[in-house]
Amino acid sequence: MRRWYLKKLYLYLEQSYINNKALLWPNLGRLNNLLIIVNISMFFLSGLVAKGYYFTFFSLICLALVAVLLLLPLPVLERLWYYLFCLALEVIALYFLVVSIVYWVRTEVG
């Protein structure tokens, strides 16, 4: 019973993804560009990275990987799991950005 429900839920999500993928991918790209700009402006220009704090690099690596995956014309762009993988990388990058901001505020650097 539960397996049937999960399969039905996945099929529903996949159909919703197919209907809205023209909106989802550009918004993911815009979010990616925004997070890259925020990372660079907040931490590289403030000098926090020069003092040995490297979570910003981890965030930028995740964001660069998403940017490359967005640019490659792969046939898996039509698949829901590929979009969810890119979205998960974006969430990991956002986590590192938030942790960096918390560290920046608590240590009062800058």
PDB file of N, CA and C in Angstrom:
ATOM      1  N   MET A   1       0.828  -1.196   0.000  1.00  0.00           N
ATOM      2  CA  MET A   1       0.000   0.000   0.000  1.00  0.00           C
ATOM      3  C   MET A   1       0.874   1.263   0.000  1.00  0.00           C
ATOM      4  N   ARG A   2       1.891   1.250   0.850  1.00  0.00           N
ATOM      5  CA  ARG A   2       2.739   2.422   0.966  1.00  0.00           C
ATOM      6  C   ARG A   2       3.575   2.625  -0.307  1.00  0.00           C
ATOM      7  N   ARG A   3       4.072   1.544  -0.868  1.00  0.00           N
ATOM      8  CA  ARG A   3       4.867   1.627  -2.086  1.00  0.00           C
ATOM      9  C   ARG A   3       4.023   2.190  -3.237  1.00  0.00           C
ATOM     10  N   TRP A   4       2.791   1.769  -3.312  1.00  0.00           N
ATOM     11  CA  TRP A   4       1.884   2.263  -4.341  1.00  0.00           C
ATOM     12  C   TRP A   4       1.670   3.761  -4.179  1.00  0.00           C
ATOM     13  N   TYR A   5       1.509   4.219  -2.933  1.00  0.00           N
ATOM     14  CA  TYR A   5       1.299   5.632  -2.668  1.00  0.00           C
ATOM     15  C   TYR A   5       2.526   6.444  -3.060  1.00  0.00           C
ATOM     16  N   LEU A   6       3.724   5.945  -2.730  1.00  0.00           N
ATOM     17  CA  LEU A   6       4.943   6.665  -3.083  1.00  0.00           C
ATOM     18  C   LEU A   6       5.143   6.737  -4.590  1.00  0.00           C
ATOM     19  N   LYS A   7       4.804   5.661  -5.286  1.00  0.00           N
ATOM     20  CA  LYS A   7       4.915   5.667  -6.738  1.00  0.00           C
ATOM     21  C   LYS A   7       3.939   6.663  -7.352  1.00  0.00           C
ATOM     22  N   LYS A   8       2.735   6.696  -6.817  1.00  0.00           N
ATOM     23  CA  LYS A   8       1.737   7.646  -7.312  1.00  0.00           C
ATOM     24  C   LYS A   8       2.170   9.084  -7.023  1.00  0.00           C
ATOM     25  N   LEU A   9       2.744   9.319  -5.858  1.00  0.00           N
ATOM     26  CA  LEU A   9       3.235  10.646  -5.503  1.00  0.00           C
ATOM     27  C   LEU A   9       4.374  11.069  -6.423  1.00  0.00           C
ATOM     28  N   TYR A  10       5.304  10.147  -6.710  1.00  0.00           N
ATOM     29  CA  TYR A  10       6.414  10.475  -7.601  1.00  0.00           C
ATOM     30  C   TYR A  10       5.909  10.777  -9.008  1.00  0.00           C
ATOM     31  N   LEU A  11       4.956  10.013  -9.479  1.00  0.00           N
ATOM     32  CA  LEU A  11       4.395  10.273 -10.813  1.00  0.00           C
ATOM     33  C   LEU A  11       3.702  11.639 -10.863  1.00  0.00           C
ATOM     34  N   TYR A  12       3.026  11.999  -9.786  1.00  0.00           N
ATOM     35  CA  TYR A  12       2.391  13.313  -9.707  1.00  0.00           C
ATOM     36  C   TYR A  12       3.442  14.426  -9.725  1.00  0.00           C
ATOM     37  N   LEU A  13       4.506  14.244  -8.949  1.00  0.00           N
ATOM     38  CA  LEU A  13       5.577  15.247  -8.917  1.00  0.00           C
ATOM     39  C   LEU A  13       6.280  15.354 -10.262  1.00  0.00           C
ATOM     40  N   GLU A  14       6.483  14.227 -10.921  1.00  0.00           N
ATOM     41  CA  GLU A  14       7.128  14.249 -12.218  1.00  0.00           C
ATOM     42  C   GLU A  14       6.262  14.951 -13.269  1.00  0.00           C
ATOM     43  N   GLN A  15       4.975  14.731 -13.217  1.00  0.00           N
ATOM     44  CA  GLN A  15       4.075  15.417 -14.148  1.00  0.00           C
ATOM     45  C   GLN A  15       4.043  16.911 -13.871  1.00  0.00           C
ATOM     46  N   SER A  16       4.055  17.280 -12.597  1.00  0.00           N
ATOM     47  CA  SER A  16       4.097  18.691 -12.236  1.00  0.00           C
ATOM     48  C   SER A  16       5.403  19.327 -12.702  1.00  0.00           C
ATOM     49  N   TYR A  17       6.505  18.583 -12.581  1.00  0.00           N
ATOM     50  CA  TYR A  17       7.799  19.070 -13.044  1.00  0.00           C
ATOM     51  C   TYR A  17       7.791  19.278 -14.555  1.00  0.00           C
ATOM     52  N   ILE A  18       7.236  18.332 -15.294  1.00  0.00           N
ATOM     53  CA  ILE A  18       7.173  18.450 -16.760  1.00  0.00           C
ATOM     54  C   ILE A  18       6.360  19.674 -17.168  1.00  0.00           C
ATOM     55  N   ASN A  19       5.294  19.940 -16.444  1.00  0.00           N
ATOM     56  CA  ASN A  19       4.450  21.098 -16.763  1.00  0.00           C
ATOM     57  C   ASN A  19       5.110  22.428 -16.428  1.00  0.00           C
ATOM     58  N   ASN A  20       6.019  22.442 -15.433  1.00  0.00           N
ATOM     59  CA  ASN A  20       6.580  23.702 -14.950  1.00  0.00           C
ATOM     60  C   ASN A  20       8.078  23.839 -15.147  1.00  0.00           C
ATOM     61  N   LYS A  21       8.711  22.957 -15.913  1.00  0.00           N
ATOM     62  CA  LYS A  21      10.167  23.015 -16.027  1.00  0.00           C
ATOM     63  C   LYS A  21      10.654  24.273 -16.730  1.00  0.00           C
ATOM     64  N   ALA A  22       9.823  24.889 -17.532  1.00  0.00           N
ATOM     65  CA  ALA A  22      10.214  26.147 -18.180  1.00  0.00           C
ATOM     66  C   ALA A  22      10.355  27.275 -17.166  1.00  0.00           C
ATOM     67  N   LEU A  23       9.740  27.143 -16.015  1.00  0.00           N
ATOM     68  CA  LEU A  23       9.877  28.135 -14.947  1.00  0.00           C
ATOM     69  C   LEU A  23      10.918  27.743 -13.908  1.00  0.00           C
ATOM     70  N   LEU A  24      11.064  26.449 -13.673  1.00  0.00           N
ATOM     71  CA  LEU A  24      11.934  25.978 -12.600  1.00  0.00           C
ATOM     72  C   LEU A  24      13.415  26.184 -12.902  1.00  0.00           C
ATOM     73  N   TRP A  25      13.865  25.815 -14.105  1.00  0.00           N
ATOM     74  CA  TRP A  25      15.289  25.921 -14.438  1.00  0.00           C
ATOM     75  C   TRP A  25      15.790  27.359 -14.473  1.00  0.00           C
ATOM     76  N   PRO A  26      15.080  28.306 -15.101  1.00  0.00           N
ATOM     77  CA  PRO A  26      15.583  29.688 -15.063  1.00  0.00           C
ATOM     78  C   PRO A  26      15.635  30.271 -13.648  1.00  0.00           C
ATOM     79  N   ASN A  27      14.665  29.914 -12.812  1.00  0.00           N
ATOM     80  CA  ASN A  27      14.685  30.416 -11.437  1.00  0.00           C
ATOM     81  C   ASN A  27      15.841  29.825 -10.643  1.00  0.00           C
ATOM     82  N   LEU A  28      16.173  28.570 -10.910  1.00  0.00           N
ATOM     83  CA  LEU A  28      17.334  27.969 -10.252  1.00  0.00           C
ATOM     84  C   LEU A  28      18.612  28.665 -10.694  1.00  0.00           C
ATOM     85  N   GLY A  29      18.698  28.999 -11.970  1.00  0.00           N
ATOM     86  CA  GLY A  29      19.865  29.723 -12.473  1.00  0.00           C
ATOM     87  C   GLY A  29      19.990  31.113 -11.861  1.00  0.00           C
ATOM     88  N   ARG A  30      18.866  31.799 -11.726  1.00  0.00           N
ATOM     89  CA  ARG A  30      18.891  33.136 -11.111  1.00  0.00           C
ATOM     90  C   ARG A  30      19.306  33.064  -9.643  1.00  0.00           C
ATOM     91  N   LEU A  31      18.775  32.084  -8.924  1.00  0.00           N
ATOM     92  CA  LEU A  31      19.160  31.909  -7.518  1.00  0.00           C
ATOM     93  C   LEU A  31      20.649  31.597  -7.410  1.00  0.00           C
ATOM     94  N   ASN A  32      21.148  30.787  -8.320  1.00  0.00           N
ATOM     95  CA  ASN A  32      22.561  30.439  -8.326  1.00  0.00           C
ATOM     96  C   ASN A  32      23.425  31.680  -8.529  1.00  0.00           C
ATOM     97  N   ASN A  33      23.076  32.507  -9.490  1.00  0.00           N
ATOM     98  CA  ASN A  33      23.833  33.742  -9.738  1.00  0.00           C
ATOM     99  C   ASN A  33      23.771  34.682  -8.542  1.00  0.00           C
ATOM    100  N   LEU A  34      22.618  34.800  -7.927  1.00  0.00           N
ATOM    101  CA  LEU A  34      22.472  35.665  -6.759  1.00  0.00           C
ATOM    102  C   LEU A  34      23.344  35.184  -5.601  1.00  0.00           C
ATOM    103  N   LEU A  35      23.357  33.885  -5.354  1.00  0.00           N
ATOM    104  CA  LEU A  35      24.168  33.358  -4.253  1.00  0.00           C
ATOM    105  C   LEU A  35      25.661  33.512  -4.524  1.00  0.00           C
ATOM    106  N   ILE A  36      26.075  33.399  -5.763  1.00  0.00           N
ATOM    107  CA  ILE A  36      27.487  33.621  -6.095  1.00  0.00           C
ATOM    108  C   ILE A  36      27.876  35.066  -5.811  1.00  0.00           C
ATOM    109  N   ILE A  37      27.035  36.001  -6.210  1.00  0.00           N
ATOM    110  CA  ILE A  37      27.320  37.416  -5.964  1.00  0.00           C
ATOM    111  C   ILE A  37      27.350  37.718  -4.474  1.00  0.00           C
ATOM    112  N   VAL A  38      26.421  37.167  -3.718  1.00  0.00           N
ATOM    113  CA  VAL A  38      26.395  37.389  -2.269  1.00  0.00           C
ATOM    114  C   VAL A  38      27.636  36.804  -1.610  1.00  0.00           C
ATOM    115  N   ASN A  39      28.026  35.608  -2.016  1.00  0.00           N
ATOM    116  CA  ASN A  39      29.222  34.985  -1.457  1.00  0.00           C
ATOM    117  C   ASN A  39      30.450  35.843  -1.689  1.00  0.00           C
ATOM    118  N   ILE A  40      30.642  36.263  -2.910  1.00  0.00           N
ATOM    119  CA  ILE A  40      31.840  37.034  -3.237  1.00  0.00           C
ATOM    120  C   ILE A  40      31.828  38.392  -2.546  1.00  0.00           C
ATOM    121  N   SER A  41      30.693  39.063  -2.561  1.00  0.00           N
ATOM    122  CA  SER A  41      30.655  40.409  -1.987  1.00  0.00           C
ATOM    123  C   SER A  41      30.767  40.401  -0.467  1.00  0.00           C
ATOM    124  N   MET A  42      30.225  39.398   0.195  1.00  0.00           N
ATOM    125  CA  MET A  42      30.244  39.408   1.657  1.00  0.00           C
ATOM    126  C   MET A  42      31.553  38.900   2.240  1.00  0.00           C
ATOM    127  N   PHE A  43      32.168  37.916   1.616  1.00  0.00           N
ATOM    128  CA  PHE A  43      33.273  37.253   2.291  1.00  0.00           C
ATOM    129  C   PHE A  43      34.628  37.490   1.647  1.00  0.00           C
ATOM    130  N   PHE A  44      34.694  37.614   0.350  1.00  0.00           N
ATOM    131  CA  PHE A  44      35.981  37.884  -0.262  1.00  0.00           C
ATOM    132  C   PHE A  44      36.355  39.353  -0.105  1.00  0.00           C
ATOM    133  N   LEU A  45      35.393  40.225  -0.267  1.00  0.00           N
ATOM    134  CA  LEU A  45      35.684  41.654  -0.153  1.00  0.00           C
ATOM    135  C   LEU A  45      35.874  42.095   1.291  1.00  0.00           C
ATOM    136  N   SER A  46      35.286  41.353   2.244  1.00  0.00           N
ATOM    137  CA  SER A  46      35.458  41.719   3.651  1.00  0.00           C
ATOM    138  C   SER A  46      36.768  41.195   4.229  1.00  0.00           C
ATOM    139  N   GLY A  47      37.421  40.282   3.537  1.00  0.00           N
ATOM    140  CA  GLY A  47      38.694  39.752   4.016  1.00  0.00           C
ATOM    141  C   GLY A  47      38.564  38.567   4.935  1.00  0.00           C
ATOM    142  N   LEU A  48      37.366  38.027   5.105  1.00  0.00           N
ATOM    143  CA  LEU A  48      37.174  36.895   6.003  1.00  0.00           C
ATOM    144  C   LEU A  48      37.860  35.640   5.474  1.00  0.00           C
ATOM    145  N   VAL A  49      37.885  35.481   4.170  1.00  0.00           N
ATOM    146  CA  VAL A  49      38.513  34.300   3.579  1.00  0.00           C
ATOM    147  C   VAL A  49      40.021  34.346   3.777  1.00  0.00           C
ATOM    148  N   ALA A  50      40.605  35.533   3.771  1.00  0.00           N
ATOM    149  CA  ALA A  50      42.057  35.668   3.960  1.00  0.00           C
ATOM    150  C   ALA A  50      42.487  35.270   5.369  1.00  0.00           C
ATOM    151  N   LYS A  51      41.544  35.249   6.295  1.00  0.00           N
ATOM    152  CA  LYS A  51      41.869  34.890   7.671  1.00  0.00           C
ATOM    153  C   LYS A  51      41.715  33.402   7.941  1.00  0.00           C
ATOM    154  N   GLY A  52      41.481  32.609   6.903  1.00  0.00           N
ATOM    155  CA  GLY A  52      41.461  31.166   7.066  1.00  0.00           C
ATOM    156  C   GLY A  52      40.092  30.541   7.175  1.00  0.00           C
ATOM    157  N   TYR A  53      39.057  31.231   6.796  1.00  0.00           N
ATOM    158  CA  TYR A  53      37.705  30.673   6.857  1.00  0.00           C
ATOM    159  C   TYR A  53      37.333  30.150   5.478  1.00  0.00           C
ATOM    160  N   TYR A  54      37.062  28.846   5.377  1.00  0.00           N
ATOM    161  CA  TYR A  54      36.932  28.213   4.070  1.00  0.00           C
ATOM    162  C   TYR A  54      35.533  27.701   3.731  1.00  0.00           C
ATOM    163  N   PHE A  55      34.535  27.913   4.564  1.00  0.00           N
ATOM    164  CA  PHE A  55      33.187  27.475   4.202  1.00  0.00           C
ATOM    165  C   PHE A  55      32.669  28.215   2.973  1.00  0.00           C
ATOM    166  N   THR A  56      33.177  29.413   2.765  1.00  0.00           N
ATOM    167  CA  THR A  56      32.792  30.164   1.578  1.00  0.00           C
ATOM    168  C   THR A  56      33.249  29.445   0.315  1.00  0.00           C
ATOM    169  N   PHE A  57      34.435  28.847   0.370  1.00  0.00           N
ATOM    170  CA  PHE A  57      34.910  28.080  -0.785  1.00  0.00           C
ATOM    171  C   PHE A  57      34.021  26.866  -1.046  1.00  0.00           C
ATOM    172  N   PHE A  58      33.589  26.206   0.015  1.00  0.00           N
ATOM    173  CA  PHE A  58      32.702  25.048  -0.156  1.00  0.00           C
ATOM    174  C   PHE A  58      31.396  25.477  -0.814  1.00  0.00           C
ATOM    175  N   SER A  59      30.884  26.601  -0.382  1.00  0.00           N
ATOM    176  CA  SER A  59      29.653  27.131  -0.970  1.00  0.00           C
ATOM    177  C   SER A  59      29.854  27.481  -2.445  1.00  0.00           C
ATOM    178  N   LEU A  60      30.953  28.121  -2.752  1.00  0.00           N
ATOM    179  CA  LEU A  60      31.218  28.484  -4.140  1.00  0.00           C
ATOM    180  C   LEU A  60      31.470  27.263  -5.022  1.00  0.00           C
ATOM    181  N   ILE A  61      32.067  26.219  -4.479  1.00  0.00           N
ATOM    182  CA  ILE A  61      32.263  24.992  -5.246  1.00  0.00           C
ATOM    183  C   ILE A  61      30.920  24.368  -5.597  1.00  0.00           C
ATOM    184  N   CYS A  62      30.014  24.311  -4.635  1.00  0.00           N
ATOM    185  CA  CYS A  62      28.670  23.777  -4.914  1.00  0.00           C
ATOM    186  C   CYS A  62      27.945  24.630  -5.950  1.00  0.00           C
ATOM    187  N   LEU A  63      28.064  25.943  -5.820  1.00  0.00           N
ATOM    188  CA  LEU A  63      27.403  26.839  -6.764  1.00  0.00           C
ATOM    189  C   LEU A  63      28.013  26.736  -8.161  1.00  0.00           C
ATOM    190  N   ALA A  64      29.326  26.571  -8.235  1.00  0.00           N
ATOM    191  CA  ALA A  64      29.966  26.411  -9.542  1.00  0.00           C
ATOM    192  C   ALA A  64      29.549  25.098 -10.197  1.00  0.00           C
ATOM    193  N   LEU A  65      29.414  24.061  -9.389  1.00  0.00           N
ATOM    194  CA  LEU A  65      28.973  22.780  -9.933  1.00  0.00           C
ATOM    195  C   LEU A  65      27.553  22.881 -10.474  1.00  0.00           C
ATOM    196  N   VAL A  66      26.682  23.571  -9.764  1.00  0.00           N
ATOM    197  CA  VAL A  66      25.316  23.780 -10.259  1.00  0.00           C
ATOM    198  C   VAL A  66      25.336  24.591 -11.545  1.00  0.00           C
ATOM    199  N   ALA A  67      26.185  25.607 -11.606  1.00  0.00           N
ATOM    200  CA  ALA A  67      26.266  26.428 -12.816  1.00  0.00           C
ATOM    201  C   ALA A  67      26.713  25.590 -14.014  1.00  0.00           C
ATOM    202  N   VAL A  68      27.672  24.712 -13.800  1.00  0.00           N
ATOM    203  CA  VAL A  68      28.134  23.848 -14.893  1.00  0.00           C
ATOM    204  C   VAL A  68      27.034  22.870 -15.299  1.00  0.00           C
ATOM    205  N   LEU A  69      26.346  22.304 -14.318  1.00  0.00           N
ATOM    206  CA  LEU A  69      25.269  21.364 -14.629  1.00  0.00           C
ATOM    207  C   LEU A  69      24.103  22.046 -15.345  1.00  0.00           C
ATOM    208  N   LEU A  70      23.904  23.322 -15.065  1.00  0.00           N
ATOM    209  CA  LEU A  70      22.852  24.071 -15.761  1.00  0.00           C
ATOM    210  C   LEU A  70      23.225  24.371 -17.214  1.00  0.00           C
ATOM    211  N   LEU A  71      24.518  24.538 -17.467  1.00  0.00           N
ATOM    212  CA  LEU A  71      24.954  24.914 -18.807  1.00  0.00           C
ATOM    213  C   LEU A  71      25.104  23.733 -19.753  1.00  0.00           C
ATOM    214  N   LEU A  72      25.366  22.553 -19.226  1.00  0.00           N
ATOM    215  CA  LEU A  72      25.569  21.398 -20.084  1.00  0.00           C
ATOM    216  C   LEU A  72      24.253  20.957 -20.716  1.00  0.00           C
ATOM    217  N   PRO A  73      24.247  20.764 -22.011  1.00  0.00           N
ATOM    218  CA  PRO A  73      23.012  20.324 -22.680  1.00  0.00           C
ATOM    219  C   PRO A  73      22.842  18.808 -22.587  1.00  0.00           C
ATOM    220  N   LEU A  74      22.574  18.338 -21.431  1.00  0.00           N
ATOM    221  CA  LEU A  74      22.436  16.903 -21.206  1.00  0.00           C
ATOM    222  C   LEU A  74      20.995  16.461 -21.440  1.00  0.00           C
ATOM    223  N   PRO A  75      20.808  15.236 -21.879  1.00  0.00           N
ATOM    224  CA  PRO A  75      19.427  14.748 -22.064  1.00  0.00           C
ATOM    225  C   PRO A  75      18.686  14.535 -20.745  1.00  0.00           C
ATOM    226  N   VAL A  76      19.416  14.525 -19.627  1.00  0.00           N
ATOM    227  CA  VAL A  76      18.755  14.321 -18.331  1.00  0.00           C
ATOM    228  C   VAL A  76      18.114  15.594 -17.793  1.00  0.00           C
ATOM    229  N   LEU A  77      18.217  16.686 -18.541  1.00  0.00           N
ATOM    230  CA  LEU A  77      17.544  17.915 -18.112  1.00  0.00           C
ATOM    231  C   LEU A  77      16.033  17.742 -18.052  1.00  0.00           C
ATOM    232  N   GLU A  78      15.545  16.744 -18.717  1.00  0.00           N
ATOM    233  CA  GLU A  78      14.106  16.469 -18.719  1.00  0.00           C
ATOM    234  C   GLU A  78      13.660  15.663 -17.497  1.00  0.00           C
ATOM    235  N   ARG A  79      14.599  15.208 -16.687  1.00  0.00           N
ATOM    236  CA  ARG A  79      14.274  14.315 -15.566  1.00  0.00           C
ATOM    237  C   ARG A  79      14.152  15.075 -14.253  1.00  0.00           C
ATOM    238  N   LEU A  80      13.224  14.625 -13.447  1.00  0.00           N
ATOM    239  CA  LEU A  80      12.990  15.241 -12.143  1.00  0.00           C
ATOM    240  C   LEU A  80      14.166  15.019 -11.204  1.00  0.00           C
ATOM    241  N   TRP A  81      14.764  13.835 -11.230  1.00  0.00           N
ATOM    242  CA  TRP A  81      15.856  13.545 -10.292  1.00  0.00           C
ATOM    243  C   TRP A  81      17.053  14.440 -10.550  1.00  0.00           C
ATOM    244  N   TYR A  82      17.304  14.834 -11.788  1.00  0.00           N
ATOM    245  CA  TYR A  82      18.426  15.725 -12.105  1.00  0.00           C
ATOM    246  C   TYR A  82      18.173  17.116 -11.541  1.00  0.00           C
ATOM    247  N   TYR A  83      16.946  17.589 -11.672  1.00  0.00           N
ATOM    248  CA  TYR A  83      16.598  18.890 -11.093  1.00  0.00           C
ATOM    249  C   TYR A  83      16.713  18.840  -9.565  1.00  0.00           C
ATOM    250  N   LEU A  84      16.248  17.764  -8.956  1.00  0.00           N
ATOM    251  CA  LEU A  84      16.333  17.645  -7.497  1.00  0.00           C
ATOM    252  C   LEU A  84      17.782  17.565  -7.032  1.00  0.00           C
ATOM    253  N   PHE A  85      18.647  16.925  -7.830  1.00  0.00           N
ATOM    254  CA  PHE A  85      20.070  16.872  -7.493  1.00  0.00           C
ATOM    255  C   PHE A  85      20.673  18.279  -7.522  1.00  0.00           C
ATOM    256  N   CYS A  86      20.371  19.045  -8.561  1.00  0.00           N
ATOM    257  CA  CYS A  86      20.867  20.423  -8.648  1.00  0.00           C
ATOM    258  C   CYS A  86      20.300  21.284  -7.520  1.00  0.00           C
ATOM    259  N   LEU A  87      19.046  21.071  -7.203  1.00  0.00           N
ATOM    260  CA  LEU A  87      18.423  21.815  -6.104  1.00  0.00           C
ATOM    261  C   LEU A  87      19.048  21.446  -4.764  1.00  0.00           C
ATOM    262  N   ALA A  88      19.395  20.189  -4.579  1.00  0.00           N
ATOM    263  CA  ALA A  88      20.059  19.764  -3.341  1.00  0.00           C
ATOM    264  C   ALA A  88      21.437  20.407  -3.220  1.00  0.00           C
ATOM    265  N   LEU A  89      22.182  20.481  -4.317  1.00  0.00           N
ATOM    266  CA  LEU A  89      23.476  21.177  -4.284  1.00  0.00           C
ATOM    267  C   LEU A  89      23.304  22.650  -3.944  1.00  0.00           C
ATOM    268  N   GLU A  90      22.244  23.237  -4.455  1.00  0.00           N
ATOM    269  CA  GLU A  90      21.956  24.647  -4.153  1.00  0.00           C
ATOM    270  C   GLU A  90      21.630  24.829  -2.662  1.00  0.00           C
ATOM    271  N   VAL A  91      20.906  23.887  -2.092  1.00  0.00           N
ATOM    272  CA  VAL A  91      20.575  23.956  -0.662  1.00  0.00           C
ATOM    273  C   VAL A  91      21.833  23.777   0.187  1.00  0.00           C
ATOM    274  N   ILE A  92      22.728  22.881  -0.226  1.00  0.00           N
ATOM    275  CA  ILE A  92      23.995  22.713   0.499  1.00  0.00           C
ATOM    276  C   ILE A  92      24.809  24.001   0.442  1.00  0.00           C
ATOM    277  N   ALA A  93      24.857  24.639  -0.717  1.00  0.00           N
ATOM    278  CA  ALA A  93      25.574  25.909  -0.847  1.00  0.00           C
ATOM    279  C   ALA A  93      24.932  26.989   0.022  1.00  0.00           C
ATOM    280  N   LEU A  94      23.611  27.001   0.075  1.00  0.00           N
ATOM    281  CA  LEU A  94      22.906  27.956   0.925  1.00  0.00           C
ATOM    282  C   LEU A  94      23.195  27.704   2.402  1.00  0.00           C
ATOM    283  N   TYR A  95      23.303  26.440   2.776  1.00  0.00           N
ATOM    284  CA  TYR A  95      23.666  26.093   4.157  1.00  0.00           C
ATOM    285  C   TYR A  95      25.042  26.661   4.510  1.00  0.00           C
ATOM    286  N   PHE A  96      26.027  26.455   3.634  1.00  0.00           N
ATOM    287  CA  PHE A  96      27.358  26.980   3.900  1.00  0.00           C
ATOM    288  C   PHE A  96      27.354  28.503   3.942  1.00  0.00           C
ATOM    289  N   LEU A  97      26.524  29.136   3.151  1.00  0.00           N
ATOM    290  CA  LEU A  97      26.418  30.593   3.183  1.00  0.00           C
ATOM    291  C   LEU A  97      25.825  31.072   4.506  1.00  0.00           C
ATOM    292  N   VAL A  98      24.776  30.417   4.972  1.00  0.00           N
ATOM    293  CA  VAL A  98      24.151  30.806   6.245  1.00  0.00           C
ATOM    294  C   VAL A  98      25.106  30.560   7.412  1.00  0.00           C
ATOM    295  N   VAL A  99      25.821  29.441   7.389  1.00  0.00           N
ATOM    296  CA  VAL A  99      26.803  29.163   8.438  1.00  0.00           C
ATOM    297  C   VAL A  99      27.901  30.216   8.422  1.00  0.00           C
ATOM    298  N   SER A 100      28.303  30.642   7.241  1.00  0.00           N
ATOM    299  CA  SER A 100      29.319  31.691   7.136  1.00  0.00           C
ATOM    300  C   SER A 100      28.817  33.015   7.700  1.00  0.00           C
ATOM    301  N   ILE A 101      27.560  33.331   7.436  1.00  0.00           N
ATOM    302  CA  ILE A 101      26.995  34.575   7.970  1.00  0.00           C
ATOM    303  C   ILE A 101      26.910  34.513   9.497  1.00  0.00           C
ATOM    304  N   VAL A 102      26.492  33.374  10.018  1.00  0.00           N
ATOM    305  CA  VAL A 102      26.419  33.222  11.479  1.00  0.00           C
ATOM    306  C   VAL A 102      27.806  33.354  12.104  1.00  0.00           C
ATOM    307  N   TYR A 103      28.800  32.734  11.485  1.00  0.00           N
ATOM    308  CA  TYR A 103      30.173  32.851  11.991  1.00  0.00           C
ATOM    309  C   TYR A 103      30.645  34.295  11.922  1.00  0.00           C
ATOM    310  N   TRP A 104      30.316  34.965  10.834  1.00  0.00           N
ATOM    311  CA  TRP A 104      30.729  36.359  10.642  1.00  0.00           C
ATOM    312  C   TRP A 104      30.111  37.252  11.706  1.00  0.00           C
ATOM    313  N   VAL A 105      28.836  37.025  12.031  1.00  0.00           N
ATOM    314  CA  VAL A 105      28.165  37.861  13.031  1.00  0.00           C
ATOM    315  C   VAL A 105      28.667  37.544  14.441  1.00  0.00           C
ATOM    316  N   ARG A 106      28.877  36.284  14.738  1.00  0.00           N
ATOM    317  CA  ARG A 106      29.311  35.913  16.103  1.00  0.00           C
ATOM    318  C   ARG A 106      30.742  36.335  16.395  1.00  0.00           C
ATOM    319  N   THR A 107      31.600  36.319  15.422  1.00  0.00           N
ATOM    320  CA  THR A 107      32.987  36.715  15.694  1.00  0.00           C
ATOM    321  C   THR A 107      33.210  38.194  15.444  1.00  0.00           C
ATOM    322  N   GLU A 108      32.208  38.888  14.931  1.00  0.00           N
ATOM    323  CA  GLU A 108      32.251  40.315  14.669  1.00  0.00           C
ATOM    324  C   GLU A 108      33.438  40.704  13.798  1.00  0.00           C
ATOM    325  N   VAL A 109      33.679  39.889  12.780  1.00  0.00           N
ATOM    326  CA  VAL A 109      34.750  40.192  11.828  1.00  0.00           C
ATOM    327  C   VAL A 109      34.190  41.125  10.781  1.00  0.00           C
ATOM    328  N   GLY A 110      34.948  42.100  10.376  1.00  0.00           N
ATOM    329  CA  GLY A 110      34.517  43.009   9.311  1.00  0.00           C
ATOM    330  C   GLY A 110      34.014  44.260   9.898  1.00  0.00           C
TER     331      GLY A 110
END
